[in-house]
Structures are given as structure tokens and as C-alpha cells.
Amino acid sequence: MAKIIVKQVKSIIGRPESQRKIVAALGLGRIGKQKEHEDTPSVRGMVAKVSHLVEIVEK
């Protein structure tokens, strides 16, 4: 299965609790932190909800 790398590029300070939980579920928490995930619809949906805070690098 394809892999994607999700990188946090903006802070979660001042963001709603739901967005904070999504960022934590993706394994992020600090600016610059990266995490590799399977390219599944559920991961893509989480990334879409916080697309203004993260960026995707397709592997």
C-alpha cells in the first residue's frame, strides 16, 4: 500500500479542540514534526480536516 508523509507546518495554539485531537491522532504536535502513514481514506480525511496546519509529501 502507498505511504504518505504528513508534516506539521503551523501551530495548534488557538485552534479548536477537535483539530488538536486530529493532529495528535496523526502523531504530530510540534512544528516540523513528520509522521509516515498508510495512504487510506481515513488518514486522507483527517488530513483534509487540518489541511491548513499540515502538508503532505507523497512517498
PDB file of N, CA and C in Angstrom:
ATOM      1  N   MET A   1       0.835  -1.183   0.000  1.00  0.00           N
ATOM      2  CA  MET A   1       0.000   0.000   0.000  1.00  0.00           C
ATOM      3  C   MET A   1       0.882   1.250   0.000  1.00  0.00           C
ATOM      4  N   ALA A   2       0.381   2.297  -0.607  1.00  0.00           N
ATOM      5  CA  ALA A   2       1.146   3.540  -0.710  1.00  0.00           C
ATOM      6  C   ALA A   2       1.302   4.193   0.658  1.00  0.00           C
ATOM      7  N   LYS A   3       2.359   4.934   0.788  1.00  0.00           N
ATOM      8  CA  LYS A   3       2.644   5.657   2.031  1.00  0.00           C
ATOM      9  C   LYS A   3       2.644   7.148   1.746  1.00  0.00           C
ATOM     10  N   ILE A   4       2.250   7.923   2.750  1.00  0.00           N
ATOM     11  CA  ILE A   4       2.375   9.379   2.672  1.00  0.00           C
ATOM     12  C   ILE A   4       3.074   9.859   3.937  1.00  0.00           C
ATOM     13  N   ILE A   5       3.742  10.979   3.817  1.00  0.00           N
ATOM     14  CA  ILE A   5       4.372  11.602   4.972  1.00  0.00           C
ATOM     15  C   ILE A   5       3.608  12.878   5.261  1.00  0.00           C
ATOM     16  N   VAL A   6       3.148  13.006   6.505  1.00  0.00           N
ATOM     17  CA  VAL A   6       2.397  14.182   6.935  1.00  0.00           C
ATOM     18  C   VAL A   6       3.323  15.015   7.811  1.00  0.00           C
ATOM     19  N   LYS A   7       3.446  16.296   7.487  1.00  0.00           N
ATOM     20  CA  LYS A   7       4.341  17.193   8.213  1.00  0.00           C
ATOM     21  C   LYS A   7       3.545  18.370   8.752  1.00  0.00           C
ATOM     22  N   GLN A   8       3.718  18.672  10.033  1.00  0.00           N
ATOM     23  CA  GLN A   8       3.039  19.819  10.632  1.00  0.00           C
ATOM     24  C   GLN A   8       3.824  21.085  10.307  1.00  0.00           C
ATOM     25  N   VAL A   9       3.109  22.100   9.762  1.00  0.00           N
ATOM     26  CA  VAL A   9       3.777  23.329   9.360  1.00  0.00           C
ATOM     27  C   VAL A   9       3.267  24.552  10.123  1.00  0.00           C
ATOM     28  N   LYS A  10       2.159  24.418  10.852  1.00  0.00           N
ATOM     29  CA  LYS A  10       1.640  25.523  11.651  1.00  0.00           C
ATOM     30  C   LYS A  10       1.283  25.033  13.045  1.00  0.00           C
ATOM     31  N   SER A  11       1.227  25.951  13.985  1.00  0.00           N
ATOM     32  CA  SER A  11       0.954  25.640  15.373  1.00  0.00           C
ATOM     33  C   SER A  11      -0.528  25.345  15.609  1.00  0.00           C
ATOM     34  N   ILE A  12      -0.807  24.576  16.666  1.00  0.00           N
ATOM     35  CA  ILE A  12      -2.191  24.290  17.041  1.00  0.00           C
ATOM     36  C   ILE A  12      -2.689  25.236  18.131  1.00  0.00           C
ATOM     37  N   ILE A  13      -1.871  26.206  18.494  1.00  0.00           N
ATOM     38  CA  ILE A  13      -2.284  27.178  19.511  1.00  0.00           C
ATOM     39  C   ILE A  13      -3.470  27.977  18.984  1.00  0.00           C
ATOM     40  N   GLY A  14      -4.519  28.054  19.789  1.00  0.00           N
ATOM     41  CA  GLY A  14      -5.701  28.809  19.419  1.00  0.00           C
ATOM     42  C   GLY A  14      -6.654  28.063  18.501  1.00  0.00           C
ATOM     43  N   ARG A  15      -6.383  26.811  18.210  1.00  0.00           N
ATOM     44  CA  ARG A  15      -7.243  26.009  17.335  1.00  0.00           C
ATOM     45  C   ARG A  15      -8.289  25.284  18.170  1.00  0.00           C
ATOM     46  N   PRO A  16      -9.416  24.919  17.560  1.00  0.00           N
ATOM     47  CA  PRO A  16     -10.455  24.172  18.285  1.00  0.00           C
ATOM     48  C   PRO A  16      -9.946  22.816  18.762  1.00  0.00           C
ATOM     49  N   GLU A  17     -10.573  22.310  19.809  1.00  0.00           N
ATOM     50  CA  GLU A  17     -10.162  21.041  20.412  1.00  0.00           C
ATOM     51  C   GLU A  17     -10.223  19.890  19.412  1.00  0.00           C
ATOM     52  N   SER A  18     -11.203  19.897  18.516  1.00  0.00           N
ATOM     53  CA  SER A  18     -11.318  18.813  17.540  1.00  0.00           C
ATOM     54  C   SER A  18     -10.100  18.772  16.619  1.00  0.00           C
ATOM     55  N   GLN A  19      -9.597  19.935  16.216  1.00  0.00           N
ATOM     56  CA  GLN A  19      -8.411  19.977  15.358  1.00  0.00           C
ATOM     57  C   GLN A  19      -7.173  19.545  16.131  1.00  0.00           C
ATOM     58  N   ARG A  20      -7.092  19.897  17.400  1.00  0.00           N
ATOM     59  CA  ARG A  20      -5.963  19.466  18.230  1.00  0.00           C
ATOM     60  C   ARG A  20      -5.923  17.945  18.343  1.00  0.00           C
ATOM     61  N   LYS A  21      -7.097  17.340  18.508  1.00  0.00           N
ATOM     62  CA  LYS A  21      -7.173  15.881  18.632  1.00  0.00           C
ATOM     63  C   LYS A  21      -6.796  15.189  17.330  1.00  0.00           C
ATOM     64  N   ILE A  22      -7.183  15.764  16.209  1.00  0.00           N
ATOM     65  CA  ILE A  22      -6.834  15.183  14.912  1.00  0.00           C
ATOM     66  C   ILE A  22      -5.322  15.236  14.701  1.00  0.00           C
ATOM     67  N   VAL A  23      -4.710  16.367  15.038  1.00  0.00           N
ATOM     68  CA  VAL A  23      -3.255  16.497  14.891  1.00  0.00           C
ATOM     69  C   VAL A  23      -2.552  15.482  15.794  1.00  0.00           C
ATOM     70  N   ALA A  24      -3.043  15.299  17.011  1.00  0.00           N
ATOM     71  CA  ALA A  24      -2.454  14.313  17.921  1.00  0.00           C
ATOM     72  C   ALA A  24      -2.645  12.896  17.383  1.00  0.00           C
ATOM     73  N   ALA A  25      -3.804  12.606  16.801  1.00  0.00           N
ATOM     74  CA  ALA A  25      -4.068  11.285  16.250  1.00  0.00           C
ATOM     75  C   ALA A  25      -3.163  10.979  15.064  1.00  0.00           C
ATOM     76  N   LEU A  26      -2.750  12.007  14.357  1.00  0.00           N
ATOM     77  CA  LEU A  26      -1.807  11.820  13.249  1.00  0.00           C
ATOM     78  C   LEU A  26      -0.373  11.632  13.743  1.00  0.00           C
ATOM     79  N   GLY A  27      -0.159  11.777  15.050  1.00  0.00           N
ATOM     80  CA  GLY A  27       1.174  11.578  15.605  1.00  0.00           C
ATOM     81  C   GLY A  27       2.034  12.818  15.558  1.00  0.00           C
ATOM     82  N   LEU A  28       1.409  13.978  15.409  1.00  0.00           N
ATOM     83  CA  LEU A  28       2.136  15.240  15.327  1.00  0.00           C
ATOM     84  C   LEU A  28       1.944  16.013  16.629  1.00  0.00           C
ATOM     85  N   GLY A  29       2.478  17.213  16.715  1.00  0.00           N
ATOM     86  CA  GLY A  29       2.324  18.004  17.924  1.00  0.00           C
ATOM     87  C   GLY A  29       3.226  19.224  17.949  1.00  0.00           C
ATOM     88  N   ARG A  30       4.289  19.180  17.158  1.00  0.00           N
ATOM     89  CA  ARG A  30       5.206  20.315  17.082  1.00  0.00           C
ATOM     90  C   ARG A  30       5.424  20.673  15.623  1.00  0.00           C
ATOM     91  N   ILE A  31       5.705  21.924  15.377  1.00  0.00           N
ATOM     92  CA  ILE A  31       6.002  22.367  14.017  1.00  0.00           C
ATOM     93  C   ILE A  31       7.267  21.655  13.532  1.00  0.00           C
ATOM     94  N   GLY A  32       7.202  21.130  12.324  1.00  0.00           N
ATOM     95  CA  GLY A  32       8.343  20.442  11.738  1.00  0.00           C
ATOM     96  C   GLY A  32       8.339  18.941  11.939  1.00  0.00           C
ATOM     97  N   LYS A  33       7.485  18.438  12.821  1.00  0.00           N
ATOM     98  CA  LYS A  33       7.433  17.007  13.071  1.00  0.00           C
ATOM     99  C   LYS A  33       6.775  16.303  11.893  1.00  0.00           C
ATOM    100  N   GLN A  34       7.304  15.120  11.533  1.00  0.00           N
ATOM    101  CA  GLN A  34       6.789  14.358  10.402  1.00  0.00           C
ATOM    102  C   GLN A  34       6.411  12.962  10.859  1.00  0.00           C
ATOM    103  N   LYS A  35       5.432  12.393  10.182  1.00  0.00           N
ATOM    104  CA  LYS A  35       4.998  11.036  10.503  1.00  0.00           C
ATOM    105  C   LYS A  35       4.567  10.353   9.218  1.00  0.00           C
ATOM    106  N   GLU A  36       4.932   9.097   9.062  1.00  0.00           N
ATOM    107  CA  GLU A  36       4.567   8.334   7.877  1.00  0.00           C
ATOM    108  C   GLU A  36       3.323   7.503   8.174  1.00  0.00           C
ATOM    109  N   HIS A  37       2.362   7.533   7.252  1.00  0.00           N
ATOM    110  CA  HIS A  37       1.105   6.803   7.396  1.00  0.00           C
ATOM    111  C   HIS A  37       0.791   6.065   6.112  1.00  0.00           C
ATOM    112  N   GLU A  38      -0.067   5.041   6.238  1.00  0.00           N
ATOM    113  CA  GLU A  38      -0.630   4.382   5.059  1.00  0.00           C
ATOM    114  C   GLU A  38      -1.555   5.379   4.369  1.00  0.00           C
ATOM    115  N   ASP A  39      -1.625   5.318   3.057  1.00  0.00           N
ATOM    116  CA  ASP A  39      -2.490   6.225   2.302  1.00  0.00           C
ATOM    117  C   ASP A  39      -3.897   5.624   2.230  1.00  0.00           C
ATOM    118  N   THR A  40      -4.669   5.807   3.307  1.00  0.00           N
ATOM    119  CA  THR A  40      -6.027   5.283   3.387  1.00  0.00           C
ATOM    120  C   THR A  40      -7.027   6.430   3.384  1.00  0.00           C
ATOM    121  N   PRO A  41      -8.283   6.154   3.078  1.00  0.00           N
ATOM    122  CA  PRO A  41      -9.293   7.209   3.106  1.00  0.00           C
ATOM    123  C   PRO A  41      -9.461   7.863   4.484  1.00  0.00           C
ATOM    124  N   SER A  42      -9.290   7.093   5.554  1.00  0.00           N
ATOM    125  CA  SER A  42      -9.442   7.675   6.886  1.00  0.00           C
ATOM    126  C   SER A  42      -8.326   8.669   7.195  1.00  0.00           C
ATOM    127  N   VAL A  43      -7.104   8.342   6.811  1.00  0.00           N
ATOM    128  CA  VAL A  43      -5.981   9.263   7.028  1.00  0.00           C
ATOM    129  C   VAL A  43      -6.148  10.497   6.140  1.00  0.00           C
ATOM    130  N   ARG A  44      -6.565  10.293   4.891  1.00  0.00           N
ATOM    131  CA  ARG A  44      -6.787  11.433   3.992  1.00  0.00           C
ATOM    132  C   ARG A  44      -7.882  12.352   4.539  1.00  0.00           C
ATOM    133  N   GLY A  45      -8.921  11.779   5.166  1.00  0.00           N
ATOM    134  CA  GLY A  45      -9.987  12.584   5.753  1.00  0.00           C
ATOM    135  C   GLY A  45      -9.492  13.413   6.919  1.00  0.00           C
ATOM    136  N   MET A  46      -8.629  12.811   7.770  1.00  0.00           N
ATOM    137  CA  MET A  46      -8.070  13.568   8.892  1.00  0.00           C
ATOM    138  C   MET A  46      -7.195  14.702   8.389  1.00  0.00           C
ATOM    139  N   VAL A  47      -6.401  14.428   7.379  1.00  0.00           N
ATOM    140  CA  VAL A  47      -5.525  15.454   6.811  1.00  0.00           C
ATOM    141  C   VAL A  47      -6.363  16.582   6.203  1.00  0.00           C
ATOM    142  N   ALA A  48      -7.470  16.240   5.576  1.00  0.00           N
ATOM    143  CA  ALA A  48      -8.328  17.263   4.971  1.00  0.00           C
ATOM    144  C   ALA A  48      -8.909  18.197   6.023  1.00  0.00           C
ATOM    145  N   LYS A  49      -9.210  17.668   7.209  1.00  0.00           N
ATOM    146  CA  LYS A  49      -9.777  18.493   8.278  1.00  0.00           C
ATOM    147  C   LYS A  49      -8.776  19.509   8.824  1.00  0.00           C
ATOM    148  N   VAL A  50      -7.491  19.189   8.760  1.00  0.00           N
ATOM    149  CA  VAL A  50      -6.460  20.096   9.281  1.00  0.00           C
ATOM    150  C   VAL A  50      -5.468  20.475   8.183  1.00  0.00           C
ATOM    151  N   SER A  51      -5.955  20.581   6.952  1.00  0.00           N
ATOM    152  CA  SER A  51      -5.067  20.849   5.816  1.00  0.00           C
ATOM    153  C   SER A  51      -4.353  22.185   5.933  1.00  0.00           C
ATOM    154  N   HIS A  52      -4.908  23.118   6.723  1.00  0.00           N
ATOM    155  CA  HIS A  52      -4.271  24.414   6.904  1.00  0.00           C
ATOM    156  C   HIS A  52      -3.117  24.354   7.917  1.00  0.00           C
ATOM    157  N   LEU A  53      -2.969  23.213   8.607  1.00  0.00           N
ATOM    158  CA  LEU A  53      -1.913  23.060   9.607  1.00  0.00           C
ATOM    159  C   LEU A  53      -0.814  22.090   9.168  1.00  0.00           C
ATOM    160  N   VAL A  54      -1.102  21.251   8.166  1.00  0.00           N
ATOM    161  CA  VAL A  54      -0.152  20.223   7.764  1.00  0.00           C
ATOM    162  C   VAL A  54       0.055  20.266   6.247  1.00  0.00           C
ATOM    163  N   GLU A  55       1.107  19.567   5.817  1.00  0.00           N
ATOM    164  CA  GLU A  55       1.319  19.373   4.387  1.00  0.00           C
ATOM    165  C   GLU A  55       1.652  17.900   4.170  1.00  0.00           C
ATOM    166  N   ILE A  56       1.389  17.423   2.958  1.00  0.00           N
ATOM    167  CA  ILE A  56       1.604  16.015   2.619  1.00  0.00           C
ATOM    168  C   ILE A  56       2.745  15.900   1.630  1.00  0.00           C
ATOM    169  N   VAL A  57       3.616  14.936   1.874  1.00  0.00           N
ATOM    170  CA  VAL A  57       4.659  14.579   0.930  1.00  0.00           C
ATOM    171  C   VAL A  57       4.372  13.135   0.532  1.00  0.00           C
ATOM    172  N   GLU A  58       3.989  12.891  -0.722  1.00  0.00           N
ATOM    173  CA  GLU A  58       3.696  11.544  -1.166  1.00  0.00           C
ATOM    174  C   GLU A  58       5.005  10.803  -1.384  1.00  0.00           C
ATOM    175  N   LYS A  59       5.056   9.586  -0.901  1.00  0.00           N
ATOM    176  CA  LYS A  59       6.287   8.818  -0.970  1.00  0.00           C
ATOM    177  C   LYS A  59       6.255   7.862  -2.116  1.00  0.00           C
TER     178      LYS A  59
END
